N, C-alpha and C. Protein backbone atom coordinates (compact mmCIF):
# COMPACT_ATOMS: atom_id res chain seq x y z
N MET A 1 0.85 -1.16 0.00
CA MET A 1 0.00 0.00 0.00
C MET A 1 0.90 1.23 0.00
N GLU A 2 0.49 2.23 -0.77
CA GLU A 2 1.21 3.50 -0.83
C GLU A 2 0.33 4.58 -0.22
N ILE A 3 0.87 5.35 0.70
CA ILE A 3 0.13 6.44 1.34
C ILE A 3 0.67 7.75 0.79
N LYS A 4 -0.27 8.60 0.32
CA LYS A 4 0.11 9.90 -0.22
C LYS A 4 -0.61 11.00 0.54
N SER A 5 0.03 12.13 0.67
CA SER A 5 -0.56 13.31 1.28
C SER A 5 -1.08 14.21 0.16
N VAL A 6 -2.33 14.67 0.28
CA VAL A 6 -2.92 15.55 -0.74
C VAL A 6 -3.55 16.76 -0.06
N VAL A 7 -3.58 17.86 -0.78
CA VAL A 7 -4.21 19.09 -0.28
C VAL A 7 -5.68 19.05 -0.70
N MET A 8 -6.58 19.36 0.22
CA MET A 8 -8.01 19.36 -0.08
C MET A 8 -8.60 20.71 0.24
N GLU A 9 -9.57 21.13 -0.56
CA GLU A 9 -10.30 22.37 -0.34
C GLU A 9 -11.51 22.04 0.53
N ILE A 10 -11.56 22.61 1.72
CA ILE A 10 -12.67 22.36 2.64
C ILE A 10 -13.28 23.70 3.03
N PRO A 11 -14.53 23.96 2.62
CA PRO A 11 -15.18 25.22 2.99
C PRO A 11 -15.24 25.39 4.50
N GLU A 12 -15.05 26.62 4.96
CA GLU A 12 -15.08 26.89 6.40
C GLU A 12 -16.41 26.45 7.00
N GLY A 13 -16.32 25.81 8.14
CA GLY A 13 -17.51 25.35 8.84
C GLY A 13 -18.03 24.01 8.33
N SER A 14 -17.30 23.39 7.42
CA SER A 14 -17.73 22.11 6.84
C SER A 14 -16.99 20.94 7.48
N ASN A 15 -17.58 19.78 7.36
CA ASN A 15 -16.94 18.53 7.76
C ASN A 15 -16.69 17.72 6.50
N ILE A 16 -15.67 16.89 6.53
CA ILE A 16 -15.34 16.08 5.37
C ILE A 16 -15.03 14.66 5.80
N ILE A 17 -15.49 13.72 5.00
CA ILE A 17 -15.19 12.31 5.21
C ILE A 17 -14.54 11.81 3.93
N VAL A 18 -13.40 11.16 4.05
CA VAL A 18 -12.70 10.59 2.91
C VAL A 18 -12.62 9.09 3.12
N GLY A 19 -12.99 8.33 2.10
CA GLY A 19 -12.96 6.89 2.24
C GLY A 19 -12.66 6.22 0.91
N GLN A 20 -12.62 4.92 0.94
CA GLN A 20 -12.35 4.13 -0.25
C GLN A 20 -13.26 2.92 -0.26
N THR A 21 -13.77 2.59 -1.43
CA THR A 21 -14.62 1.41 -1.58
C THR A 21 -14.43 0.84 -2.98
N HIS A 22 -14.92 -0.34 -3.18
CA HIS A 22 -14.82 -0.98 -4.49
C HIS A 22 -16.18 -1.10 -5.17
N PHE A 23 -17.21 -0.53 -4.58
CA PHE A 23 -18.55 -0.72 -5.11
C PHE A 23 -19.20 0.63 -5.42
N ILE A 24 -19.70 0.80 -6.64
CA ILE A 24 -20.36 2.05 -7.02
C ILE A 24 -21.67 2.23 -6.24
N LYS A 25 -22.26 1.16 -5.79
CA LYS A 25 -23.50 1.24 -5.00
C LYS A 25 -23.28 2.04 -3.73
N THR A 26 -22.06 2.13 -3.26
CA THR A 26 -21.76 2.84 -2.02
C THR A 26 -22.17 4.30 -2.09
N ILE A 27 -21.95 4.97 -3.22
CA ILE A 27 -22.34 6.39 -3.33
C ILE A 27 -23.85 6.53 -3.22
N GLU A 28 -24.59 5.59 -3.79
CA GLU A 28 -26.05 5.62 -3.68
C GLU A 28 -26.49 5.42 -2.23
N ASP A 29 -25.83 4.49 -1.55
CA ASP A 29 -26.15 4.25 -0.13
C ASP A 29 -25.85 5.48 0.72
N LEU A 30 -24.69 6.10 0.50
CA LEU A 30 -24.34 7.31 1.26
C LEU A 30 -25.32 8.44 0.99
N TYR A 31 -25.73 8.60 -0.26
CA TYR A 31 -26.71 9.64 -0.62
C TYR A 31 -28.01 9.41 0.15
N GLU A 32 -28.51 8.19 0.13
CA GLU A 32 -29.76 7.89 0.83
C GLU A 32 -29.65 8.13 2.33
N ILE A 33 -28.51 7.79 2.92
CA ILE A 33 -28.30 8.02 4.35
C ILE A 33 -28.32 9.52 4.66
N MET A 34 -27.65 10.32 3.84
CA MET A 34 -27.59 11.76 4.08
C MET A 34 -28.97 12.40 3.94
N VAL A 35 -29.70 12.02 2.91
CA VAL A 35 -31.05 12.59 2.69
C VAL A 35 -31.98 12.22 3.85
N ALA A 36 -31.87 10.99 4.33
CA ALA A 36 -32.76 10.53 5.40
C ALA A 36 -32.37 11.08 6.77
N SER A 37 -31.13 11.55 6.93
CA SER A 37 -30.67 11.98 8.25
C SER A 37 -31.24 13.33 8.68
N SER A 38 -31.51 14.23 7.72
CA SER A 38 -32.03 15.55 8.07
C SER A 38 -32.54 16.26 6.82
N HIS A 39 -33.60 17.02 6.99
CA HIS A 39 -34.13 17.80 5.87
C HIS A 39 -33.32 19.08 5.65
N TYR A 40 -32.49 19.45 6.61
CA TYR A 40 -31.78 20.73 6.57
C TYR A 40 -30.31 20.59 6.20
N ILE A 41 -29.82 19.37 6.09
CA ILE A 41 -28.40 19.15 5.83
C ILE A 41 -28.06 19.50 4.37
N LYS A 42 -26.90 20.12 4.19
CA LYS A 42 -26.37 20.38 2.85
C LYS A 42 -25.16 19.47 2.68
N PHE A 43 -25.10 18.77 1.55
CA PHE A 43 -24.01 17.81 1.36
C PHE A 43 -23.71 17.58 -0.11
N ALA A 44 -22.55 17.01 -0.34
CA ALA A 44 -22.16 16.56 -1.67
C ALA A 44 -21.24 15.36 -1.50
N ILE A 45 -21.33 14.45 -2.46
CA ILE A 45 -20.51 13.24 -2.45
C ILE A 45 -19.87 13.11 -3.82
N ALA A 46 -18.59 12.80 -3.84
CA ALA A 46 -17.89 12.54 -5.10
C ALA A 46 -17.32 11.13 -5.06
N PHE A 47 -17.42 10.44 -6.18
CA PHE A 47 -16.94 9.07 -6.28
C PHE A 47 -16.10 8.96 -7.54
N CYS A 48 -14.86 8.57 -7.41
CA CYS A 48 -13.95 8.42 -8.56
C CYS A 48 -14.01 6.99 -9.05
N GLU A 49 -14.42 6.80 -10.30
CA GLU A 49 -14.47 5.46 -10.87
C GLU A 49 -13.08 4.92 -11.14
N ALA A 50 -12.97 3.63 -11.12
CA ALA A 50 -11.69 2.97 -11.42
C ALA A 50 -11.62 2.53 -12.89
N SER A 51 -12.59 2.95 -13.69
CA SER A 51 -12.60 2.58 -15.11
C SER A 51 -11.48 3.31 -15.85
N GLN A 52 -11.29 2.97 -17.10
CA GLN A 52 -10.24 3.61 -17.89
C GLN A 52 -10.45 5.12 -17.98
N LEU A 53 -11.69 5.57 -18.04
CA LEU A 53 -11.97 7.00 -18.15
C LEU A 53 -11.83 7.74 -16.82
N CYS A 54 -11.84 7.00 -15.71
CA CYS A 54 -11.74 7.59 -14.36
C CYS A 54 -12.75 8.72 -14.16
N LEU A 55 -13.99 8.45 -14.50
CA LEU A 55 -15.05 9.45 -14.35
C LEU A 55 -15.30 9.75 -12.88
N ILE A 56 -15.78 10.96 -12.62
CA ILE A 56 -16.15 11.36 -11.26
C ILE A 56 -17.66 11.46 -11.22
N ARG A 57 -18.28 10.72 -10.34
CA ARG A 57 -19.73 10.79 -10.15
C ARG A 57 -20.00 11.71 -8.96
N LEU A 58 -20.96 12.60 -9.13
CA LEU A 58 -21.31 13.54 -8.07
C LEU A 58 -22.76 13.36 -7.66
N ALA A 59 -23.03 13.53 -6.40
CA ALA A 59 -24.39 13.52 -5.88
C ALA A 59 -24.45 14.50 -4.72
N GLY A 60 -25.61 15.08 -4.50
CA GLY A 60 -25.75 16.00 -3.38
C GLY A 60 -26.89 16.96 -3.61
N ASN A 61 -27.04 17.90 -2.67
CA ASN A 61 -28.14 18.85 -2.77
C ASN A 61 -27.66 20.31 -2.69
N ASP A 62 -26.36 20.52 -2.84
CA ASP A 62 -25.81 21.87 -2.77
C ASP A 62 -24.77 22.03 -3.89
N ARG A 63 -25.03 22.94 -4.81
CA ARG A 63 -24.18 23.10 -5.99
C ARG A 63 -22.74 23.47 -5.61
N HIS A 64 -22.58 24.39 -4.66
CA HIS A 64 -21.22 24.81 -4.26
C HIS A 64 -20.45 23.63 -3.67
N LEU A 65 -21.10 22.86 -2.82
CA LEU A 65 -20.44 21.70 -2.22
C LEU A 65 -20.13 20.63 -3.27
N GLN A 66 -21.00 20.51 -4.29
CA GLN A 66 -20.72 19.55 -5.36
C GLN A 66 -19.49 19.98 -6.15
N GLN A 67 -19.36 21.28 -6.41
CA GLN A 67 -18.17 21.78 -7.10
C GLN A 67 -16.92 21.51 -6.28
N THR A 68 -17.00 21.73 -4.97
CA THR A 68 -15.87 21.48 -4.09
C THR A 68 -15.53 19.99 -4.06
N ALA A 69 -16.54 19.14 -3.97
CA ALA A 69 -16.31 17.69 -3.98
C ALA A 69 -15.65 17.25 -5.28
N ASN A 70 -16.07 17.85 -6.39
CA ASN A 70 -15.48 17.54 -7.69
C ASN A 70 -14.01 17.93 -7.75
N ILE A 71 -13.69 19.11 -7.22
CA ILE A 71 -12.29 19.58 -7.20
C ILE A 71 -11.43 18.64 -6.35
N ASN A 72 -11.95 18.26 -5.18
CA ASN A 72 -11.19 17.39 -4.28
C ASN A 72 -11.04 15.97 -4.81
N ALA A 73 -12.01 15.53 -5.60
CA ALA A 73 -11.93 14.17 -6.15
C ALA A 73 -10.79 14.07 -7.14
């Protein structure tokens, strides 16, 4: 395993969770958990595919946070 240090953009007053998974279903599960946890929460999730194109999938309910998640991905 190789560990790398990266710089991330985190908006002031925000929390961030970074993780790794092998299943695309995980982003759908995380989205459902966030939506069900509170009607007032603002969030964004970014998922980097392992395909040849390395696409970034975004989900969330706040455009600014989605842009930030995309940059950090």
